[in-house]
Amino acid sequence: MAVTAVMTAALISACQKRADTQPSTDLSRDAQISALQNRVDQLERRVSKEMPGSDDSGERVPPGPIKSITFRSGTADDRLRIYWENGKVSSLPCTLEQGTWACG
């Protein structure tokens, strides 16, 4: 009987110690998760600020393969035209900059 009482007391005290240390561990873990989430948010804002925005609209670059490309120069409106397999046409204005054509 005395052994059972000692064992019961030991088990109860062991459970109480865990209950006392568990909240501080949870708080520490929650603080670490919160700090990591804040850092991820900071990095995402930094990347989105430094990444150039995409100006490609669905009309300019339709999905699918290209059927043909033509380039017209020496006119008032130098253009690169892309003819897509689905029948759409993309017309990109071009300029001559330092001996190199730039279109888009």
PDB file of N, CA and C in Angstrom:
ATOM      1  N   MET A   1       0.811  -1.178   0.000  1.00  0.00           N
ATOM      2  CA  MET A   1       0.000   0.000   0.000  1.00  0.00           C
ATOM      3  C   MET A   1       0.869   1.262   0.000  1.00  0.00           C
ATOM      4  N   ALA A   2       1.908   1.254   0.786  1.00  0.00           N
ATOM      5  CA  ALA A   2       2.803   2.410   0.855  1.00  0.00           C
ATOM      6  C   ALA A   2       3.506   2.614  -0.488  1.00  0.00           C
ATOM      7  N   VAL A   3       3.870   1.503  -1.147  1.00  0.00           N
ATOM      8  CA  VAL A   3       4.537   1.601  -2.449  1.00  0.00           C
ATOM      9  C   VAL A   3       3.574   2.214  -3.481  1.00  0.00           C
ATOM     10  N   THR A   4       2.332   1.830  -3.429  1.00  0.00           N
ATOM     11  CA  THR A   4       1.339   2.362  -4.358  1.00  0.00           C
ATOM     12  C   THR A   4       1.156   3.865  -4.137  1.00  0.00           C
ATOM     13  N   ALA A   5       1.131   4.279  -2.892  1.00  0.00           N
ATOM     14  CA  ALA A   5       0.972   5.700  -2.577  1.00  0.00           C
ATOM     15  C   ALA A   5       2.171   6.501  -3.073  1.00  0.00           C
ATOM     16  N   VAL A   6       3.373   5.953  -2.897  1.00  0.00           N
ATOM     17  CA  VAL A   6       4.587   6.637  -3.352  1.00  0.00           C
ATOM     18  C   VAL A   6       4.586   6.734  -4.877  1.00  0.00           C
ATOM     19  N   MET A   7       4.201   5.652  -5.532  1.00  0.00           N
ATOM     20  CA  MET A   7       4.154   5.639  -6.990  1.00  0.00           C
ATOM     21  C   MET A   7       3.127   6.655  -7.510  1.00  0.00           C
ATOM     22  N   THR A   8       1.974   6.696  -6.868  1.00  0.00           N
ATOM     23  CA  THR A   8       0.934   7.632  -7.271  1.00  0.00           C
ATOM     24  C   THR A   8       1.404   9.072  -7.102  1.00  0.00           C
ATOM     25  N   ALA A   9       2.051   9.352  -5.982  1.00  0.00           N
ATOM     26  CA  ALA A   9       2.571  10.699  -5.727  1.00  0.00           C
ATOM     27  C   ALA A   9       3.630  11.070  -6.765  1.00  0.00           C
ATOM     28  N   ALA A  10       4.491  10.121  -7.112  1.00  0.00           N
ATOM     29  CA  ALA A  10       5.537  10.375  -8.112  1.00  0.00           C
ATOM     30  C   ALA A  10       4.918  10.652  -9.480  1.00  0.00           C
ATOM     31  N   LEU A  11       3.911   9.875  -9.846  1.00  0.00           N
ATOM     32  CA  LEU A  11       3.246  10.092 -11.135  1.00  0.00           C
ATOM     33  C   LEU A  11       2.536  11.438 -11.187  1.00  0.00           C
ATOM     34  N   ILE A  12       1.873  11.795 -10.097  1.00  0.00           N
ATOM     35  CA  ILE A  12       1.167  13.081 -10.062  1.00  0.00           C
ATOM     36  C   ILE A  12       2.166  14.235 -10.148  1.00  0.00           C
ATOM     37  N   SER A  13       3.268  14.128  -9.412  1.00  0.00           N
ATOM     38  CA  SER A  13       4.257  15.215  -9.449  1.00  0.00           C
ATOM     39  C   SER A  13       4.922  15.296 -10.822  1.00  0.00           C
ATOM     40  N   ALA A  14       5.113  14.147 -11.463  1.00  0.00           N
ATOM     41  CA  ALA A  14       5.698  14.154 -12.799  1.00  0.00           C
ATOM     42  C   ALA A  14       4.752  14.829 -13.786  1.00  0.00           C
ATOM     43  N   CYS A  15       3.466  14.572 -13.673  1.00  0.00           N
ATOM     44  CA  CYS A  15       2.483  15.194 -14.560  1.00  0.00           C
ATOM     45  C   CYS A  15       2.410  16.692 -14.310  1.00  0.00           C
ATOM     46  N   GLN A  16       2.525  17.097 -13.047  1.00  0.00           N
ATOM     47  CA  GLN A  16       2.454  18.525 -12.735  1.00  0.00           C
ATOM     48  C   GLN A  16       3.661  19.266 -13.300  1.00  0.00           C
ATOM     49  N   LYS A  17       4.830  18.651 -13.281  1.00  0.00           N
ATOM     50  CA  LYS A  17       6.013  19.311 -13.829  1.00  0.00           C
ATOM     51  C   LYS A  17       5.846  19.526 -15.334  1.00  0.00           C
ATOM     52  N   ARG A  18       5.329  18.544 -16.019  1.00  0.00           N
ATOM     53  CA  ARG A  18       5.106  18.680 -17.457  1.00  0.00           C
ATOM     54  C   ARG A  18       4.093  19.773 -17.738  1.00  0.00           C
ATOM     55  N   ALA A  19       3.056  19.828 -16.939  1.00  0.00           N
ATOM     56  CA  ALA A  19       2.038  20.848 -17.141  1.00  0.00           C
ATOM     57  C   ALA A  19       2.631  22.237 -16.938  1.00  0.00           C
ATOM     58  N   ASP A  20       3.585  22.376 -15.979  1.00  0.00           N
ATOM     59  CA  ASP A  20       4.211  23.676 -15.733  1.00  0.00           C
ATOM     60  C   ASP A  20       5.135  24.085 -16.874  1.00  0.00           C
ATOM     61  N   THR A  21       5.874  23.140 -17.451  1.00  0.00           N
ATOM     62  CA  THR A  21       6.844  23.484 -18.496  1.00  0.00           C
ATOM     63  C   THR A  21       6.198  23.558 -19.872  1.00  0.00           C
ATOM     64  N   GLN A  22       5.083  22.913 -20.094  1.00  0.00           N
ATOM     65  CA  GLN A  22       4.443  22.888 -21.406  1.00  0.00           C
ATOM     66  C   GLN A  22       4.017  24.268 -21.900  1.00  0.00           C
ATOM     67  N   PRO A  23       3.355  25.102 -21.078  1.00  0.00           N
ATOM     68  CA  PRO A  23       2.944  26.408 -21.586  1.00  0.00           C
ATOM     69  C   PRO A  23       4.129  27.280 -22.009  1.00  0.00           C
ATOM     70  N   SER A  24       5.226  27.254 -21.270  1.00  0.00           N
ATOM     71  CA  SER A  24       6.366  28.085 -21.659  1.00  0.00           C
ATOM     72  C   SER A  24       6.965  27.581 -22.968  1.00  0.00           C
ATOM     73  N   THR A  25       6.972  26.249 -23.163  1.00  0.00           N
ATOM     74  CA  THR A  25       7.465  25.701 -24.424  1.00  0.00           C
ATOM     75  C   THR A  25       6.537  26.110 -25.561  1.00  0.00           C
ATOM     76  N   ASP A  26       5.233  26.056 -25.317  1.00  0.00           N
ATOM     77  CA  ASP A  26       4.275  26.463 -26.345  1.00  0.00           C
ATOM     78  C   ASP A  26       4.417  27.945 -26.672  1.00  0.00           C
ATOM     79  N   LEU A  27       4.608  28.767 -25.642  1.00  0.00           N
ATOM     80  CA  LEU A  27       4.775  30.198 -25.875  1.00  0.00           C
ATOM     81  C   LEU A  27       6.050  30.469 -26.662  1.00  0.00           C
ATOM     82  N   SER A  28       7.102  29.763 -26.318  1.00  0.00           N
ATOM     83  CA  SER A  28       8.366  29.937 -27.028  1.00  0.00           C
ATOM     84  C   SER A  28       8.213  29.505 -28.483  1.00  0.00           C
ATOM     85  N   ARG A  29       7.546  28.380 -28.701  1.00  0.00           N
ATOM     86  CA  ARG A  29       7.318  27.885 -30.060  1.00  0.00           C
ATOM     87  C   ARG A  29       6.436  28.848 -30.834  1.00  0.00           C
ATOM     88  N   ASP A  30       5.392  29.373 -30.202  1.00  0.00           N
ATOM     89  CA  ASP A  30       4.516  30.344 -30.858  1.00  0.00           C
ATOM     90  C   ASP A  30       5.277  31.614 -31.215  1.00  0.00           C
ATOM     91  N   ALA A  31       6.165  32.050 -30.318  1.00  0.00           N
ATOM     92  CA  ALA A  31       6.964  33.250 -30.594  1.00  0.00           C
ATOM     93  C   ALA A  31       7.915  33.004 -31.759  1.00  0.00           C
ATOM     94  N   GLN A  32       8.503  31.816 -31.814  1.00  0.00           N
ATOM     95  CA  GLN A  32       9.401  31.489 -32.918  1.00  0.00           C
ATOM     96  C   GLN A  32       8.636  31.432 -34.238  1.00  0.00           C
ATOM     97  N   ILE A  33       7.463  30.823 -34.230  1.00  0.00           N
ATOM     98  CA  ILE A  33       6.646  30.744 -35.448  1.00  0.00           C
ATOM     99  C   ILE A  33       6.235  32.141 -35.891  1.00  0.00           C
ATOM    100  N   SER A  34       5.848  32.979 -34.940  1.00  0.00           N
ATOM    101  CA  SER A  34       5.460  34.344 -35.267  1.00  0.00           C
ATOM    102  C   SER A  34       6.633  35.125 -35.854  1.00  0.00           C
ATOM    103  N   ALA A  35       7.824  34.957 -35.286  1.00  0.00           N
ATOM    104  CA  ALA A  35       9.014  35.641 -35.801  1.00  0.00           C
ATOM    105  C   ALA A  35       9.341  35.165 -37.216  1.00  0.00           C
ATOM    106  N   LEU A  36       9.220  33.873 -37.447  1.00  0.00           N
ATOM    107  CA  LEU A  36       9.470  33.336 -38.784  1.00  0.00           C
ATOM    108  C   LEU A  36       8.439  33.849 -39.785  1.00  0.00           C
ATOM    109  N   GLN A  37       7.188  33.907 -39.380  1.00  0.00           N
ATOM    110  CA  GLN A  37       6.139  34.410 -40.269  1.00  0.00           C
ATOM    111  C   GLN A  37       6.390  35.874 -40.620  1.00  0.00           C
ATOM    112  N   ASN A  38       6.803  36.665 -39.621  1.00  0.00           N
ATOM    113  CA  ASN A  38       7.124  38.071 -39.887  1.00  0.00           C
ATOM    114  C   ASN A  38       8.277  38.188 -40.870  1.00  0.00           C
ATOM    115  N   ARG A  39       9.294  37.349 -40.732  1.00  0.00           N
ATOM    116  CA  ARG A  39      10.448  37.391 -41.632  1.00  0.00           C
ATOM    117  C   ARG A  39      10.042  36.993 -43.056  1.00  0.00           C
ATOM    118  N   VAL A  40       9.206  35.969 -43.176  1.00  0.00           N
ATOM    119  CA  VAL A  40       8.716  35.552 -44.490  1.00  0.00           C
ATOM    120  C   VAL A  40       7.926  36.692 -45.134  1.00  0.00           C
ATOM    121  N   ASP A  41       7.074  37.360 -44.359  1.00  0.00           N
ATOM    122  CA  ASP A  41       6.301  38.486 -44.883  1.00  0.00           C
ATOM    123  C   ASP A  41       7.217  39.608 -45.366  1.00  0.00           C
ATOM    124  N   GLN A  42       8.274  39.908 -44.585  1.00  0.00           N
ATOM    125  CA  GLN A  42       9.228  40.947 -44.984  1.00  0.00           C
ATOM    126  C   GLN A  42       9.905  40.575 -46.304  1.00  0.00           C
ATOM    127  N   LEU A  43      10.342  39.325 -46.417  1.00  0.00           N
ATOM    128  CA  LEU A  43      11.018  38.882 -47.634  1.00  0.00           C
ATOM    129  C   LEU A  43      10.085  38.911 -48.837  1.00  0.00           C
ATOM    130  N   GLU A  44       8.822  38.517 -48.653  1.00  0.00           N
ATOM    131  CA  GLU A  44       7.865  38.559 -49.757  1.00  0.00           C
ATOM    132  C   GLU A  44       7.617  39.991 -50.217  1.00  0.00           C
ATOM    133  N   ARG A  45       7.513  40.938 -49.267  1.00  0.00           N
ATOM    134  CA  ARG A  45       7.332  42.344 -49.647  1.00  0.00           C
ATOM    135  C   ARG A  45       8.558  42.852 -50.401  1.00  0.00           C
ATOM    136  N   ARG A  46       9.732  42.478 -49.937  1.00  0.00           N
ATOM    137  CA  ARG A  46      10.979  42.919 -50.575  1.00  0.00           C
ATOM    138  C   ARG A  46      11.086  42.378 -52.000  1.00  0.00           C
ATOM    139  N   VAL A  47      10.772  41.097 -52.177  1.00  0.00           N
ATOM    140  CA  VAL A  47      10.841  40.489 -53.503  1.00  0.00           C
ATOM    141  C   VAL A  47       9.807  41.107 -54.429  1.00  0.00           C
ATOM    142  N   SER A  48       8.594  41.309 -53.945  1.00  0.00           N
ATOM    143  CA  SER A  48       7.552  41.867 -54.812  1.00  0.00           C
ATOM    144  C   SER A  48       7.869  43.309 -55.188  1.00  0.00           C
ATOM    145  N   LYS A  49       8.563  44.052 -54.321  1.00  0.00           N
ATOM    146  CA  LYS A  49       8.932  45.424 -54.635  1.00  0.00           C
ATOM    147  C   LYS A  49      10.055  45.459 -55.678  1.00  0.00           C
ATOM    148  N   GLU A  50      10.990  44.517 -55.607  1.00  0.00           N
ATOM    149  CA  GLU A  50      12.132  44.515 -56.510  1.00  0.00           C
ATOM    150  C   GLU A  50      11.861  43.807 -57.833  1.00  0.00           C
ATOM    151  N   MET A  51      10.840  42.974 -57.891  1.00  0.00           N
ATOM    152  CA  MET A  51      10.522  42.258 -59.131  1.00  0.00           C
ATOM    153  C   MET A  51       9.776  43.185 -60.076  1.00  0.00           C
ATOM    154  N   PRO A  52      10.203  43.238 -61.320  1.00  0.00           N
ATOM    155  CA  PRO A  52       9.457  44.070 -62.269  1.00  0.00           C
ATOM    156  C   PRO A  52       8.098  43.460 -62.547  1.00  0.00           C
ATOM    157  N   GLY A  53       7.113  44.322 -62.705  1.00  0.00           N
ATOM    158  CA  GLY A  53       5.769  43.841 -63.010  1.00  0.00           C
ATOM    159  C   GLY A  53       5.689  43.342 -64.438  1.00  0.00           C
ATOM    160  N   SER A  54       4.863  42.391 -64.656  1.00  0.00           N
ATOM    161  CA  SER A  54       4.677  41.861 -65.999  1.00  0.00           C
ATOM    162  C   SER A  54       3.656  42.714 -66.727  1.00  0.00           C
ATOM    163  N   ASP A  55       4.030  43.200 -67.920  1.00  0.00           N
ATOM    164  CA  ASP A  55       3.088  43.989 -68.696  1.00  0.00           C
ATOM    165  C   ASP A  55       2.503  43.199 -69.854  1.00  0.00           C
ATOM    166  N   ASP A  56       2.725  41.884 -69.843  1.00  0.00           N
ATOM    167  CA  ASP A  56       2.175  41.044 -70.905  1.00  0.00           C
ATOM    168  C   ASP A  56       0.702  40.790 -70.633  1.00  0.00           C
ATOM    169  N   SER A  57      -0.114  41.207 -71.551  1.00  0.00           N
ATOM    170  CA  SER A  57      -1.534  40.914 -71.429  1.00  0.00           C
ATOM    171  C   SER A  57      -1.854  39.695 -72.275  1.00  0.00           C
ATOM    172  N   GLY A  58      -3.011  39.136 -72.086  1.00  0.00           N
ATOM    173  CA  GLY A  58      -3.404  37.971 -72.861  1.00  0.00           C
ATOM    174  C   GLY A  58      -3.468  38.270 -74.348  1.00  0.00           C
ATOM    175  N   GLU A  59      -3.716  39.526 -74.709  1.00  0.00           N
ATOM    176  CA  GLU A  59      -3.799  39.896 -76.114  1.00  0.00           C
ATOM    177  C   GLU A  59      -2.418  39.939 -76.765  1.00  0.00           C
ATOM    178  N   ARG A  60      -1.411  40.356 -76.005  1.00  0.00           N
ATOM    179  CA  ARG A  60      -0.070  40.482 -76.577  1.00  0.00           C
ATOM    180  C   ARG A  60       0.612  39.143 -76.748  1.00  0.00           C
ATOM    181  N   VAL A  61       0.447  38.270 -75.795  1.00  0.00           N
ATOM    182  CA  VAL A  61       1.132  36.981 -75.851  1.00  0.00           C
ATOM    183  C   VAL A  61       0.119  35.866 -75.627  1.00  0.00           C
ATOM    184  N   PRO A  62      -0.570  35.463 -76.671  1.00  0.00           N
ATOM    185  CA  PRO A  62      -1.529  34.370 -76.507  1.00  0.00           C
ATOM    186  C   PRO A  62      -0.800  33.044 -76.331  1.00  0.00           C
ATOM    187  N   PRO A  63      -1.426  32.102 -75.662  1.00  0.00           N
ATOM    188  CA  PRO A  63      -0.791  30.799 -75.497  1.00  0.00           C
ATOM    189  C   PRO A  63      -0.777  30.026 -76.811  1.00  0.00           C
ATOM    190  N   GLY A  64       0.209  29.194 -76.968  1.00  0.00           N
ATOM    191  CA  GLY A  64       0.269  28.342 -78.150  1.00  0.00           C
ATOM    192  C   GLY A  64       1.486  28.609 -79.005  1.00  0.00           C
ATOM    193  N   PRO A  65       1.673  27.789 -80.012  1.00  0.00           N
ATOM    194  CA  PRO A  65       2.851  27.914 -80.872  1.00  0.00           C
ATOM    195  C   PRO A  65       2.741  29.085 -81.849  1.00  0.00           C
ATOM    196  N   ILE A  66       3.905  29.534 -82.324  1.00  0.00           N
ATOM    197  CA  ILE A  66       3.988  30.622 -83.296  1.00  0.00           C
ATOM    198  C   ILE A  66       3.961  30.031 -84.701  1.00  0.00           C
ATOM    199  N   LYS A  67       3.173  30.639 -85.563  1.00  0.00           N
ATOM    200  CA  LYS A  67       3.096  30.205 -86.956  1.00  0.00           C
ATOM    201  C   LYS A  67       4.185  30.885 -87.781  1.00  0.00           C
ATOM    202  N   SER A  68       4.320  32.218 -87.641  1.00  0.00           N
ATOM    203  CA  SER A  68       5.375  32.940 -88.360  1.00  0.00           C
ATOM    204  C   SER A  68       5.641  34.281 -87.692  1.00  0.00           C
ATOM    205  N   ILE A  69       6.797  34.876 -88.030  1.00  0.00           N
ATOM    206  CA  ILE A  69       7.195  36.182 -87.512  1.00  0.00           C
ATOM    207  C   ILE A  69       7.643  37.035 -88.692  1.00  0.00           C
ATOM    208  N   THR A  70       7.195  38.291 -88.714  1.00  0.00           N
ATOM    209  CA  THR A  70       7.664  39.225 -89.743  1.00  0.00           C
ATOM    210  C   THR A  70       8.203  40.472 -89.061  1.00  0.00           C
ATOM    211  N   PHE A  71       9.190  41.101 -89.720  1.00  0.00           N
ATOM    212  CA  PHE A  71       9.789  42.325 -89.206  1.00  0.00           C
ATOM    213  C   PHE A  71       9.767  43.365 -90.309  1.00  0.00           C
ATOM    214  N   ARG A  72       9.200  44.518 -90.022  1.00  0.00           N
ATOM    215  CA  ARG A  72       9.126  45.597 -91.011  1.00  0.00           C
ATOM    216  C   ARG A  72       9.960  46.759 -90.496  1.00  0.00           C
ATOM    217  N   SER A  73      10.916  47.221 -91.310  1.00  0.00           N
ATOM    218  CA  SER A  73      11.745  48.363 -90.931  1.00  0.00           C
ATOM    219  C   SER A  73      11.814  49.352 -92.080  1.00  0.00           C
ATOM    220  N   GLY A  74      12.246  50.547 -91.753  1.00  0.00           N
ATOM    221  CA  GLY A  74      12.357  51.573 -92.775  1.00  0.00           C
ATOM    222  C   GLY A  74      11.043  52.256 -93.081  1.00  0.00           C
ATOM    223  N   THR A  75      10.080  52.105 -92.244  1.00  0.00           N
ATOM    224  CA  THR A  75       8.776  52.753 -92.429  1.00  0.00           C
ATOM    225  C   THR A  75       8.503  53.650 -91.230  1.00  0.00           C
ATOM    226  N   ALA A  76       7.404  54.355 -91.266  1.00  0.00           N
ATOM    227  CA  ALA A  76       7.045  55.242 -90.156  1.00  0.00           C
ATOM    228  C   ALA A  76       6.745  54.458 -88.883  1.00  0.00           C
ATOM    229  N   ASP A  77       6.278  53.239 -89.033  1.00  0.00           N
ATOM    230  CA  ASP A  77       5.962  52.417 -87.851  1.00  0.00           C
ATOM    231  C   ASP A  77       6.652  51.054 -87.974  1.00  0.00           C
ATOM    232  N   ASP A  78       7.932  51.013 -87.611  1.00  0.00           N
ATOM    233  CA  ASP A  78       8.678  49.755 -87.641  1.00  0.00           C
ATOM    234  C   ASP A  78       8.044  48.785 -86.649  1.00  0.00           C
ATOM    235  N   ARG A  79       7.754  47.572 -87.122  1.00  0.00           N
ATOM    236  CA  ARG A  79       7.020  46.610 -86.296  1.00  0.00           C
ATOM    237  C   ARG A  79       7.578  45.208 -86.434  1.00  0.00           C
ATOM    238  N   LEU A  80       7.419  44.456 -85.359  1.00  0.00           N
ATOM    239  CA  LEU A  80       7.640  43.015 -85.373  1.00  0.00           C
ATOM    240  C   LEU A  80       6.250  42.410 -85.201  1.00  0.00           C
ATOM    241  N   ARG A  81       5.868  41.572 -86.131  1.00  0.00           N
ATOM    242  CA  ARG A  81       4.544  40.939 -86.041  1.00  0.00           C
ATOM    243  C   ARG A  81       4.715  39.449 -85.834  1.00  0.00           C
ATOM    244  N   ILE A  82       3.959  38.950 -84.879  1.00  0.00           N
ATOM    245  CA  ILE A  82       3.967  37.520 -84.576  1.00  0.00           C
ATOM    246  C   ILE A  82       2.593  36.978 -84.929  1.00  0.00           C
ATOM    247  N   TYR A  83       2.587  35.978 -85.790  1.00  0.00           N
ATOM    248  CA  TYR A  83       1.334  35.308 -86.183  1.00  0.00           C
ATOM    249  C   TYR A  83       1.275  33.974 -85.443  1.00  0.00           C
ATOM    250  N   TRP A  84       0.245  33.815 -84.628  1.00  0.00           N
ATOM    251  CA  TRP A  84       0.096  32.625 -83.788  1.00  0.00           C
ATOM    252  C   TRP A  84      -0.734  31.564 -84.507  1.00  0.00           C
ATOM    253  N   GLU A  85      -0.536  30.316 -84.123  1.00  0.00           N
ATOM    254  CA  GLU A  85      -1.285  29.193 -84.707  1.00  0.00           C
ATOM    255  C   GLU A  85      -2.794  29.367 -84.545  1.00  0.00           C
ATOM    256  N   ASN A  86      -3.221  29.984 -83.444  1.00  0.00           N
ATOM    257  CA  ASN A  86      -4.658  30.123 -83.197  1.00  0.00           C
ATOM    258  C   ASN A  86      -5.275  31.278 -83.982  1.00  0.00           C
ATOM    259  N   GLY A  87      -4.482  31.954 -84.851  1.00  0.00           N
ATOM    260  CA  GLY A  87      -5.011  33.007 -85.697  1.00  0.00           C
ATOM    261  C   GLY A  87      -4.817  34.413 -85.160  1.00  0.00           C
ATOM    262  N   LYS A  88      -4.353  34.573 -83.932  1.00  0.00           N
ATOM    263  CA  LYS A  88      -4.135  35.896 -83.379  1.00  0.00           C
ATOM    264  C   LYS A  88      -2.830  36.474 -83.900  1.00  0.00           C
ATOM    265  N   VAL A  89      -2.732  37.812 -83.850  1.00  0.00           N
ATOM    266  CA  VAL A  89      -1.544  38.527 -84.314  1.00  0.00           C
ATOM    267  C   VAL A  89      -1.095  39.477 -83.219  1.00  0.00           C
ATOM    268  N   SER A  90       0.191  39.441 -82.889  1.00  0.00           N
ATOM    269  CA  SER A  90       0.780  40.399 -81.955  1.00  0.00           C
ATOM    270  C   SER A  90       1.644  41.356 -82.761  1.00  0.00           C
ATOM    271  N   SER A  91       1.448  42.645 -82.567  1.00  0.00           N
ATOM    272  CA  SER A  91       2.207  43.660 -83.281  1.00  0.00           C
ATOM    273  C   SER A  91       3.007  44.462 -82.262  1.00  0.00           C
ATOM    274  N   LEU A  92       4.335  44.351 -82.327  1.00  0.00           N
ATOM    275  CA  LEU A  92       5.205  45.015 -81.371  1.00  0.00           C
ATOM    276  C   LEU A  92       5.978  46.139 -82.053  1.00  0.00           C
ATOM    277  N   PRO A  93       5.916  47.369 -81.519  1.00  0.00           N
ATOM    278  CA  PRO A  93       6.683  48.468 -82.100  1.00  0.00           C
ATOM    279  C   PRO A  93       8.179  48.252 -81.862  1.00  0.00           C
ATOM    280  N   CYS A  94       9.003  48.686 -82.833  1.00  0.00           N
ATOM    281  CA  CYS A  94      10.451  48.495 -82.736  1.00  0.00           C
ATOM    282  C   CYS A  94      11.172  49.822 -82.927  1.00  0.00           C
ATOM    283  N   THR A  95      12.321  49.944 -82.276  1.00  0.00           N
ATOM    284  CA  THR A  95      13.179  51.111 -82.462  1.00  0.00           C
ATOM    285  C   THR A  95      14.617  50.638 -82.636  1.00  0.00           C
ATOM    286  N   LEU A  96      15.391  51.433 -83.355  1.00  0.00           N
ATOM    287  CA  LEU A  96      16.805  51.137 -83.556  1.00  0.00           C
ATOM    288  C   LEU A  96      17.593  51.928 -82.520  1.00  0.00           C
ATOM    289  N   GLU A  97      18.254  51.211 -81.615  1.00  0.00           N
ATOM    290  CA  GLU A  97      19.014  51.851 -80.547  1.00  0.00           C
ATOM    291  C   GLU A  97      20.462  51.396 -80.616  1.00  0.00           C
ATOM    292  N   GLN A  98      21.356  52.294 -80.924  1.00  0.00           N
ATOM    293  CA  GLN A  98      22.796  52.032 -80.996  1.00  0.00           C
ATOM    294  C   GLN A  98      23.111  50.828 -81.889  1.00  0.00           C
ATOM    295  N   GLY A  99      22.467  50.771 -83.019  1.00  0.00           N
ATOM    296  CA  GLY A  99      22.736  49.697 -83.973  1.00  0.00           C
ATOM    297  C   GLY A  99      22.033  48.386 -83.684  1.00  0.00           C
ATOM    298  N   THR A 100      21.175  48.364 -82.668  1.00  0.00           N
ATOM    299  CA  THR A 100      20.454  47.142 -82.307  1.00  0.00           C
ATOM    300  C   THR A 100      18.960  47.436 -82.284  1.00  0.00           C
ATOM    301  N   TRP A 101      18.194  46.560 -82.926  1.00  0.00           N
ATOM    302  CA  TRP A 101      16.743  46.714 -82.917  1.00  0.00           C
ATOM    303  C   TRP A 101      16.182  46.231 -81.588  1.00  0.00           C
ATOM    304  N   ALA A 102      15.286  47.018 -81.010  1.00  0.00           N
ATOM    305  CA  ALA A 102      14.585  46.653 -79.770  1.00  0.00           C
ATOM    306  C   ALA A 102      13.085  46.685 -80.058  1.00  0.00           C
ATOM    307  N   CYS A 103      12.435  45.584 -79.824  1.00  0.00           N
ATOM    308  CA  CYS A 103      10.995  45.488 -80.091  1.00  0.00           C
ATOM    309  C   CYS A 103      10.264  45.113 -78.817  1.00  0.00           C
ATOM    310  N   GLY A 104       9.085  45.648 -78.667  1.00  0.00           N
ATOM    311  CA  GLY A 104       8.288  45.256 -77.512  1.00  0.00           C
ATOM    312  C   GLY A 104       7.587  46.321 -76.868  1.00  0.00           C
TER     313      GLY A 104
END
